[in-house]
């Protein structure tokens, strides 16, 4: 399994910095792409932000949403579930982190989800998530220069 957080997943659906590097790297990988279920909402929120900033129009947003839905159904991406045990794991780890470590709640869910799935690493372009990854027993990896 290859855990991509939403900062990476968005790059697969919208052309932005790092999209080509990510697609090229991913084409050489053999594992299933996974992400915590809340990443789906984060992708839609990112699309709406780009629409608000006039980088995408309504048609493009609908098109990307349809592509995402198709890829979910065909198994290109698999969403890992959010359940009470995952939430407890994220809360427990968040409580242990030093106050100096900046970590958003949604990123804590990504990290807990990847760790609970038995993964050793998580791929992201979010510096805060990458910095916090070792606190969840994960290696934070960014392949985008």
Protein backbone atom coordinates (compact mmCIF):
# COMPACT_ATOMS: atom_id res chain seq x y z
CA UNK A 1 0.00 0.00 0.00
CA UNK A 2 1.10 3.52 -0.78
CA UNK A 3 -0.46 6.12 1.49
CA UNK A 4 -0.90 9.46 -0.26
CA UNK A 5 -2.42 12.26 1.78
CA UNK A 6 -4.78 14.71 0.12
CA UNK A 7 -1.97 17.20 -0.66
CA UNK A 8 -0.63 14.55 -3.03
CA UNK A 9 -3.96 13.22 -4.25
CA UNK A 10 -5.09 16.67 -5.41
CA UNK A 11 -1.98 16.82 -7.60
CA UNK A 12 -3.23 13.73 -9.45
CA UNK A 13 -6.49 15.47 -10.36
CA UNK A 14 -5.46 19.11 -10.85
CA UNK A 15 -2.34 20.32 -12.63
CA UNK A 16 -0.18 22.11 -10.10
CA UNK A 17 3.40 22.16 -8.86
CA UNK A 18 4.55 18.58 -8.38
CA UNK A 19 1.83 16.88 -10.46
CA UNK A 20 4.21 15.59 -13.13
CA UNK A 21 6.84 14.42 -10.64
CA UNK A 22 4.21 12.60 -8.61
CA UNK A 23 2.62 10.93 -11.65
CA UNK A 24 6.01 9.85 -12.95
CA UNK A 25 7.03 8.43 -9.57
CA UNK A 26 3.69 6.73 -9.04
CA UNK A 27 3.81 5.03 -12.46
CA UNK A 28 6.86 3.11 -11.24
CA UNK A 29 5.18 1.90 -8.05
CA UNK A 30 3.26 -1.33 -7.62
CA UNK A 31 1.26 -0.85 -4.43
CA UNK A 32 -2.39 0.11 -3.99
CA UNK A 33 -2.93 3.85 -3.38
CA UNK A 34 -4.74 4.38 -0.09
CA UNK A 35 -5.85 7.34 1.98
CA UNK A 36 -8.02 7.88 5.03
CA UNK A 37 -11.64 8.50 4.10
CA UNK A 38 -11.60 12.13 5.20
CA UNK A 39 -9.07 12.72 2.41
CA UNK A 40 -11.98 12.48 -0.01
CA UNK A 41 -13.58 15.52 1.59
CA UNK A 42 -10.24 17.32 1.64
CA UNK A 43 -9.93 16.81 -2.13
CA UNK A 44 -13.39 18.27 -2.74
CA UNK A 45 -12.57 21.20 -0.43
CA UNK A 46 -9.34 21.82 -2.38
CA UNK A 47 -11.29 21.82 -5.64
CA UNK A 48 -13.78 24.33 -4.23
CA UNK A 49 -10.90 26.51 -3.01
CA UNK A 50 -9.42 26.50 -6.50
CA UNK A 51 -12.83 27.37 -7.92
CA UNK A 52 -13.17 30.23 -5.44
CA UNK A 53 -9.71 31.47 -6.47
CA UNK A 54 -10.82 31.27 -10.15
CA UNK A 55 -8.27 28.58 -11.05
CA UNK A 56 -11.04 26.05 -11.84
CA UNK A 57 -14.52 26.58 -13.20
CA UNK A 58 -17.64 24.64 -12.22
CA UNK A 59 -17.29 22.28 -15.19
CA UNK A 60 -13.73 21.36 -14.19
CA UNK A 61 -14.77 20.74 -10.58
CA UNK A 62 -17.58 18.42 -11.73
CA UNK A 63 -15.23 16.64 -14.11
CA UNK A 64 -12.61 16.00 -11.43
CA UNK A 65 -15.27 14.84 -8.96
CA UNK A 66 -16.60 12.35 -11.54
CA UNK A 67 -13.09 11.08 -12.25
CA UNK A 68 -12.46 10.65 -8.53
CA UNK A 69 -15.72 8.73 -8.15
CA UNK A 70 -14.83 6.48 -11.09
CA UNK A 71 -11.38 5.77 -9.70
CA UNK A 72 -12.86 4.92 -6.31
CA UNK A 73 -15.19 2.39 -7.95
CA UNK A 74 -12.47 0.84 -10.09
CA UNK A 75 -10.03 0.53 -7.20
CA UNK A 76 -7.44 3.06 -8.35
CA UNK A 77 -7.71 4.53 -4.87
CA UNK A 78 -9.00 2.86 -1.72
CA UNK A 79 -10.32 4.84 1.22
CA UNK A 80 -9.37 3.52 4.65
CA UNK A 81 -12.24 3.83 7.14
CA UNK A 82 -12.58 6.22 10.04
CA UNK A 83 -13.84 4.43 13.11
CA UNK A 84 -13.74 4.98 16.88
CA UNK A 85 -10.46 3.04 17.23
CA UNK A 86 -8.74 5.21 14.63
CA UNK A 87 -10.07 8.34 16.31
CA UNK A 88 -8.79 7.11 19.69
CA UNK A 89 -5.39 6.36 18.19
CA UNK A 90 -5.16 9.84 16.65
CA UNK A 91 -6.24 11.48 19.91
CA UNK A 92 -3.76 9.47 21.98
CA UNK A 93 -0.86 10.30 19.67
CA UNK A 94 -1.86 13.96 19.46
CA UNK A 95 -1.84 14.21 23.26
CA UNK A 96 1.71 12.84 23.38
CA UNK A 97 3.14 15.35 20.91
CA UNK A 98 5.08 18.28 22.29
CA UNK A 99 3.25 21.62 22.07
CA UNK A 100 5.98 22.90 19.75
CA UNK A 101 4.93 20.42 17.02
CA UNK A 102 2.27 21.96 14.80
CA UNK A 103 -0.25 19.33 13.71
CA UNK A 104 -3.74 19.81 12.35
CA UNK A 105 -6.48 17.39 13.43
CA UNK A 106 -7.04 16.15 9.87
CA UNK A 107 -3.32 15.47 9.48
CA UNK A 108 -3.30 13.55 12.76
CA UNK A 109 -6.04 11.35 11.28
CA UNK A 110 -3.92 10.74 8.16
CA UNK A 111 -0.93 9.80 10.29
CA UNK A 112 -2.88 7.57 12.66
CA UNK A 113 -4.60 5.89 9.72
CA UNK A 114 -1.32 5.11 7.96
CA UNK A 115 0.26 3.85 11.19
CA UNK A 116 -2.76 1.74 12.12
CA UNK A 117 -2.71 0.21 8.61
CA UNK A 118 0.81 -1.02 9.38
CA UNK A 119 2.56 1.27 6.92
CA UNK A 120 6.09 2.49 7.49
CA UNK A 121 5.78 5.74 5.54
CA UNK A 122 3.35 8.37 4.33
CA UNK A 123 3.69 10.51 1.21
CA UNK A 124 2.78 14.16 1.48
CA UNK A 125 3.75 17.65 0.41
CA UNK A 126 2.59 19.12 3.74
CA UNK A 127 5.60 20.13 5.81
CA UNK A 128 3.69 20.01 9.11
CA UNK A 129 2.43 16.47 8.47
CA UNK A 130 5.91 15.38 7.39
CA UNK A 131 7.48 16.84 10.54
CA UNK A 132 4.94 15.10 12.79
CA UNK A 133 5.14 11.71 11.01
CA UNK A 134 7.89 10.25 13.27
CA UNK A 135 5.66 10.86 16.31
CA UNK A 136 3.32 8.26 14.77
CA UNK A 137 6.14 5.83 13.97
CA UNK A 138 6.13 6.81 10.30
CA UNK A 139 8.64 8.16 7.85
CA UNK A 140 7.29 11.29 6.18
CA UNK A 141 8.25 11.28 2.50
CA UNK A 142 8.01 14.05 -0.08
CA UNK A 143 9.20 13.09 -3.57
CA UNK A 144 8.37 16.50 -5.02
CA UNK A 145 11.45 18.72 -5.33
